[in-house]
N, C-alpha and C. Protein backbone atom coordinates (compact mmCIF):
# COMPACT_ATOMS: atom_id res chain seq x y z
N MET A 1 26.56 -14.18 -5.82
CA MET A 1 25.96 -14.97 -4.76
C MET A 1 26.11 -16.46 -5.02
N LEU A 2 26.15 -16.86 -6.27
CA LEU A 2 26.27 -18.27 -6.62
C LEU A 2 27.55 -18.87 -6.06
N ASN A 3 28.64 -18.10 -6.03
CA ASN A 3 29.90 -18.63 -5.51
C ASN A 3 29.77 -19.12 -4.08
N ASN A 4 28.92 -18.47 -3.28
CA ASN A 4 28.74 -18.89 -1.90
C ASN A 4 28.01 -20.22 -1.79
N CYS A 5 27.31 -20.63 -2.83
CA CYS A 5 26.52 -21.87 -2.80
C CYS A 5 27.26 -23.06 -3.39
N GLU A 6 28.38 -22.83 -4.06
CA GLU A 6 29.07 -23.92 -4.75
C GLU A 6 29.75 -24.90 -3.80
N ASN A 7 30.19 -24.44 -2.66
CA ASN A 7 30.86 -25.30 -1.70
C ASN A 7 30.17 -25.12 -0.36
N GLN A 8 29.10 -25.87 -0.13
CA GLN A 8 28.31 -25.71 1.08
C GLN A 8 28.02 -27.08 1.68
N THR A 9 28.20 -27.17 2.98
CA THR A 9 27.95 -28.41 3.71
C THR A 9 27.05 -28.11 4.90
N MET A 10 26.02 -28.93 5.09
CA MET A 10 25.12 -28.80 6.23
C MET A 10 25.09 -30.15 6.94
N LEU A 11 25.38 -30.13 8.23
CA LEU A 11 25.39 -31.37 9.02
C LEU A 11 24.67 -31.16 10.34
N ILE A 12 24.01 -32.20 10.80
CA ILE A 12 23.47 -32.24 12.16
C ILE A 12 24.07 -33.48 12.80
N GLY A 13 24.71 -33.27 13.94
CA GLY A 13 25.35 -34.41 14.59
C GLY A 13 25.74 -34.08 16.02
N TYR A 14 26.63 -34.90 16.56
CA TYR A 14 27.01 -34.82 17.97
C TYR A 14 28.50 -34.54 18.11
N ILE A 15 28.84 -33.63 19.01
CA ILE A 15 30.24 -33.32 19.30
C ILE A 15 30.85 -34.54 20.00
N VAL A 16 31.99 -35.02 19.47
CA VAL A 16 32.64 -36.19 20.06
C VAL A 16 34.05 -35.89 20.57
N LEU A 17 34.49 -34.64 20.39
CA LEU A 17 35.81 -34.23 20.88
C LEU A 17 35.67 -32.85 21.49
N LYS A 18 36.13 -32.69 22.73
CA LYS A 18 36.02 -31.39 23.40
C LYS A 18 36.67 -30.32 22.53
N PRO A 19 35.97 -29.19 22.29
CA PRO A 19 36.56 -28.13 21.48
C PRO A 19 37.90 -27.66 22.07
N GLU A 20 38.88 -27.52 21.18
CA GLU A 20 40.24 -27.17 21.58
C GLU A 20 40.69 -25.93 20.82
N GLN A 21 41.20 -24.95 21.56
CA GLN A 21 41.65 -23.71 20.92
C GLN A 21 42.95 -23.97 20.16
N ILE A 22 43.00 -23.49 18.91
CA ILE A 22 44.19 -23.69 18.06
C ILE A 22 44.84 -22.37 17.65
N SER A 23 44.16 -21.25 17.92
CA SER A 23 44.68 -19.96 17.50
C SER A 23 44.08 -18.86 18.38
N ASP A 24 44.88 -17.80 18.63
CA ASP A 24 44.40 -16.67 19.43
C ASP A 24 43.86 -15.53 18.56
N ASN A 25 44.56 -15.21 17.50
CA ASN A 25 44.18 -14.06 16.70
C ASN A 25 44.31 -14.38 15.22
N PRO A 26 43.24 -14.76 14.54
CA PRO A 26 41.87 -14.82 15.06
C PRO A 26 41.66 -16.07 15.92
N LEU A 27 40.64 -16.00 16.77
CA LEU A 27 40.32 -17.13 17.64
C LEU A 27 39.89 -18.31 16.77
N GLY A 28 40.55 -19.44 16.95
CA GLY A 28 40.22 -20.64 16.20
C GLY A 28 40.09 -21.84 17.11
N VAL A 29 39.16 -22.72 16.77
CA VAL A 29 38.88 -23.91 17.57
C VAL A 29 38.77 -25.10 16.62
N ARG A 30 39.20 -26.25 17.10
CA ARG A 30 38.99 -27.49 16.34
C ARG A 30 38.24 -28.46 17.23
N THR A 31 37.39 -29.26 16.59
CA THR A 31 36.64 -30.29 17.28
C THR A 31 36.23 -31.34 16.24
N ARG A 32 35.45 -32.29 16.66
CA ARG A 32 35.01 -33.36 15.75
C ARG A 32 33.52 -33.61 15.96
N LEU A 33 32.83 -33.91 14.86
CA LEU A 33 31.40 -34.13 14.85
C LEU A 33 31.11 -35.53 14.33
N ALA A 34 30.17 -36.22 14.98
CA ALA A 34 29.73 -37.53 14.49
C ALA A 34 28.32 -37.40 13.93
N THR A 35 28.11 -37.96 12.75
CA THR A 35 26.77 -38.05 12.17
C THR A 35 26.43 -39.52 12.04
N ASN A 36 25.16 -39.84 12.19
CA ASN A 36 24.71 -41.23 12.15
C ASN A 36 23.69 -41.44 11.05
N GLU A 37 23.76 -42.60 10.43
CA GLU A 37 22.78 -43.01 9.43
C GLU A 37 22.28 -44.40 9.81
N THR A 38 20.97 -44.55 9.92
CA THR A 38 20.38 -45.83 10.28
C THR A 38 19.63 -46.39 9.08
N PHE A 39 19.87 -47.68 8.79
CA PHE A 39 19.24 -48.30 7.63
C PHE A 39 19.11 -49.80 7.87
N TYR A 40 18.29 -50.45 7.06
CA TYR A 40 18.14 -51.89 7.13
C TYR A 40 19.18 -52.55 6.24
N SER A 41 19.98 -53.44 6.82
CA SER A 41 21.02 -54.16 6.10
C SER A 41 20.48 -55.51 5.64
N LYS A 42 20.42 -55.70 4.34
CA LYS A 42 19.99 -57.00 3.81
C LYS A 42 21.03 -58.06 4.14
N LYS A 43 22.29 -57.66 4.17
CA LYS A 43 23.37 -58.61 4.46
C LYS A 43 23.24 -59.18 5.88
N PHE A 44 22.99 -58.30 6.87
CA PHE A 44 22.90 -58.75 8.26
C PHE A 44 21.46 -58.98 8.71
N LYS A 45 20.49 -58.65 7.84
CA LYS A 45 19.08 -58.84 8.12
C LYS A 45 18.64 -58.15 9.42
N LYS A 46 19.11 -56.92 9.60
CA LYS A 46 18.71 -56.13 10.77
C LYS A 46 19.00 -54.65 10.50
N VAL A 47 18.45 -53.81 11.35
CA VAL A 47 18.70 -52.38 11.27
C VAL A 47 20.07 -52.09 11.88
N VAL A 48 20.89 -51.35 11.14
CA VAL A 48 22.23 -51.00 11.62
C VAL A 48 22.39 -49.48 11.58
N THR A 49 23.27 -48.98 12.42
CA THR A 49 23.60 -47.56 12.44
C THR A 49 25.06 -47.42 12.07
N GLN A 50 25.31 -46.54 11.10
CA GLN A 50 26.68 -46.29 10.64
C GLN A 50 27.04 -44.86 11.02
N SER A 51 28.19 -44.67 11.64
CA SER A 51 28.64 -43.34 12.05
C SER A 51 29.75 -42.85 11.14
N GLU A 52 29.72 -41.56 10.86
CA GLU A 52 30.77 -40.88 10.11
C GLU A 52 31.31 -39.77 11.02
N TYR A 53 32.61 -39.52 10.95
CA TYR A 53 33.23 -38.50 11.78
C TYR A 53 33.80 -37.40 10.90
N HIS A 54 33.60 -36.15 11.33
CA HIS A 54 33.97 -34.99 10.54
C HIS A 54 34.82 -34.04 11.39
N ASN A 55 35.98 -33.66 10.86
CA ASN A 55 36.84 -32.67 11.53
C ASN A 55 36.27 -31.29 11.27
N LEU A 56 36.17 -30.47 12.33
CA LEU A 56 35.63 -29.13 12.21
C LEU A 56 36.68 -28.10 12.61
N LYS A 57 36.75 -26.99 11.87
CA LYS A 57 37.50 -25.81 12.29
C LYS A 57 36.52 -24.67 12.38
N ILE A 58 36.57 -23.96 13.52
CA ILE A 58 35.61 -22.91 13.81
C ILE A 58 36.40 -21.64 14.15
N TRP A 59 35.93 -20.48 13.64
CA TRP A 59 36.67 -19.23 13.81
C TRP A 59 35.81 -18.15 14.44
N ASN A 60 36.49 -17.21 15.08
CA ASN A 60 35.94 -15.95 15.59
C ASN A 60 34.79 -16.14 16.58
N LYS A 61 33.62 -15.50 16.35
CA LYS A 61 32.52 -15.55 17.32
C LYS A 61 31.99 -16.97 17.51
N SER A 62 31.93 -17.74 16.43
CA SER A 62 31.48 -19.13 16.55
C SER A 62 32.47 -19.95 17.37
N ALA A 63 33.76 -19.63 17.25
CA ALA A 63 34.79 -20.33 18.03
C ALA A 63 34.62 -20.02 19.51
N LYS A 64 34.35 -18.77 19.83
CA LYS A 64 34.11 -18.37 21.23
C LYS A 64 32.89 -19.12 21.78
N PHE A 65 31.82 -19.18 20.98
CA PHE A 65 30.62 -19.91 21.39
C PHE A 65 30.95 -21.39 21.64
N ALA A 66 31.73 -22.00 20.74
CA ALA A 66 32.08 -23.41 20.88
C ALA A 66 32.88 -23.66 22.16
N LEU A 67 33.87 -22.81 22.43
CA LEU A 67 34.69 -22.98 23.63
C LEU A 67 33.85 -22.83 24.91
N ASP A 68 32.94 -21.87 24.90
CA ASP A 68 32.16 -21.56 26.11
C ASP A 68 30.96 -22.47 26.32
N ASN A 69 30.42 -23.06 25.24
CA ASN A 69 29.12 -23.73 25.36
C ASN A 69 29.05 -25.17 24.91
N LEU A 70 30.04 -25.68 24.19
CA LEU A 70 29.94 -27.04 23.66
C LEU A 70 30.73 -28.04 24.50
N THR A 71 30.10 -29.18 24.73
CA THR A 71 30.77 -30.29 25.40
C THR A 71 30.48 -31.56 24.61
N VAL A 72 31.22 -32.60 24.89
CA VAL A 72 31.03 -33.88 24.22
C VAL A 72 29.60 -34.36 24.45
N GLY A 73 28.96 -34.77 23.36
CA GLY A 73 27.58 -35.25 23.42
C GLY A 73 26.55 -34.24 22.98
N ASP A 74 26.93 -32.96 22.87
CA ASP A 74 25.99 -31.93 22.44
C ASP A 74 25.59 -32.14 20.98
N LYS A 75 24.30 -31.93 20.70
CA LYS A 75 23.79 -32.01 19.34
C LYS A 75 23.87 -30.62 18.72
N VAL A 76 24.42 -30.53 17.51
CA VAL A 76 24.61 -29.23 16.86
C VAL A 76 24.22 -29.28 15.39
N TYR A 77 23.88 -28.11 14.88
CA TYR A 77 23.65 -27.89 13.45
C TYR A 77 24.85 -27.11 12.95
N ILE A 78 25.45 -27.58 11.85
CA ILE A 78 26.64 -26.96 11.27
C ILE A 78 26.34 -26.57 9.84
N LEU A 79 26.67 -25.34 9.50
CA LEU A 79 26.67 -24.90 8.11
C LEU A 79 28.10 -24.47 7.82
N GLY A 80 28.69 -25.02 6.79
CA GLY A 80 30.09 -24.69 6.51
C GLY A 80 30.47 -25.03 5.09
N LYS A 81 31.78 -25.07 4.87
CA LYS A 81 32.29 -25.43 3.56
C LYS A 81 33.38 -26.48 3.71
N LEU A 82 33.46 -27.34 2.71
CA LEU A 82 34.43 -28.42 2.70
C LEU A 82 35.80 -27.89 2.30
N HIS A 83 36.83 -28.31 3.04
CA HIS A 83 38.21 -27.87 2.79
C HIS A 83 39.12 -29.07 2.99
N TYR A 84 40.22 -29.11 2.27
CA TYR A 84 41.20 -30.20 2.41
C TYR A 84 42.54 -29.63 2.83
N ASN A 85 43.12 -30.17 3.91
CA ASN A 85 44.48 -29.85 4.32
C ASN A 85 45.41 -30.87 3.69
N GLU A 86 46.49 -30.40 3.09
CA GLU A 86 47.49 -31.31 2.52
C GLU A 86 48.61 -31.51 3.53
N ILE A 87 48.94 -32.77 3.77
CA ILE A 87 50.01 -33.12 4.70
C ILE A 87 51.01 -33.99 3.95
N GLN A 88 52.29 -33.64 4.09
CA GLN A 88 53.32 -34.43 3.43
C GLN A 88 53.82 -35.50 4.40
N MET A 89 53.75 -36.74 3.97
CA MET A 89 54.18 -37.86 4.79
C MET A 89 55.70 -38.02 4.71
N GLU A 90 56.24 -38.88 5.57
CA GLU A 90 57.69 -39.12 5.58
C GLU A 90 58.20 -39.65 4.24
N ASN A 91 57.35 -40.39 3.52
CA ASN A 91 57.74 -40.94 2.22
C ASN A 91 57.51 -39.95 1.09
N GLN A 92 57.30 -38.65 1.45
CA GLN A 92 57.09 -37.55 0.51
C GLN A 92 55.72 -37.57 -0.18
N LYS A 93 54.89 -38.53 0.14
CA LYS A 93 53.55 -38.60 -0.44
C LYS A 93 52.65 -37.56 0.23
N LEU A 94 51.86 -36.84 -0.58
CA LEU A 94 50.91 -35.87 -0.05
C LEU A 94 49.56 -36.55 0.16
N ILE A 95 48.99 -36.33 1.34
CA ILE A 95 47.63 -36.82 1.58
C ILE A 95 46.75 -35.62 1.89
N LYS A 96 45.47 -35.74 1.55
CA LYS A 96 44.51 -34.68 1.80
C LYS A 96 43.57 -35.10 2.92
N ILE A 97 43.49 -34.26 3.94
CA ILE A 97 42.63 -34.52 5.09
C ILE A 97 41.41 -33.59 4.98
N PRO A 98 40.19 -34.15 4.85
CA PRO A 98 39.01 -33.29 4.74
C PRO A 98 38.62 -32.69 6.09
N GLU A 99 38.13 -31.46 6.05
CA GLU A 99 37.60 -30.81 7.24
C GLU A 99 36.50 -29.85 6.82
N ILE A 100 35.65 -29.51 7.76
CA ILE A 100 34.58 -28.56 7.53
C ILE A 100 34.98 -27.24 8.19
N ILE A 101 35.01 -26.17 7.39
CA ILE A 101 35.21 -24.83 7.94
C ILE A 101 33.82 -24.32 8.30
N VAL A 102 33.57 -24.16 9.58
CA VAL A 102 32.23 -23.83 10.07
C VAL A 102 31.94 -22.35 9.86
N LEU A 103 30.81 -22.06 9.21
CA LEU A 103 30.36 -20.70 8.99
C LEU A 103 29.22 -20.34 9.95
N LYS A 104 28.44 -21.34 10.34
CA LYS A 104 27.32 -21.12 11.27
C LYS A 104 27.21 -22.35 12.16
N LEU A 105 26.98 -22.12 13.44
CA LEU A 105 26.91 -23.19 14.42
C LEU A 105 25.77 -22.92 15.38
N ILE A 106 24.87 -23.89 15.52
CA ILE A 106 23.73 -23.75 16.43
C ILE A 106 23.65 -25.01 17.29
N LYS A 107 23.63 -24.81 18.60
CA LYS A 107 23.43 -25.93 19.53
C LYS A 107 21.93 -26.22 19.59
N ILE A 108 21.57 -27.49 19.37
CA ILE A 108 20.15 -27.84 19.34
C ILE A 108 19.75 -28.51 20.65
């Protein structure tokens, strides 16, 4: 059971990209989630909000739910695991793109 806890991500945020189907069998969807953090900035002497954007991949029943029920602006709870896609650039350099593989998705 410990192995399931070693790579776990929980996020609450807003859908900022309409869910897009990327696979039929199994059903796969990709979208993007924005999370916000608000804090007082000593540098600017005011409260600021910082946004982070997260790439999501969703599979099977959760993917069907995302396609049928999620639109831009929806607030969701995500439970998933962190994964990196490696992409080879034209200069042969490999870059790693982080994404969240969604295991549980709840529209709030």
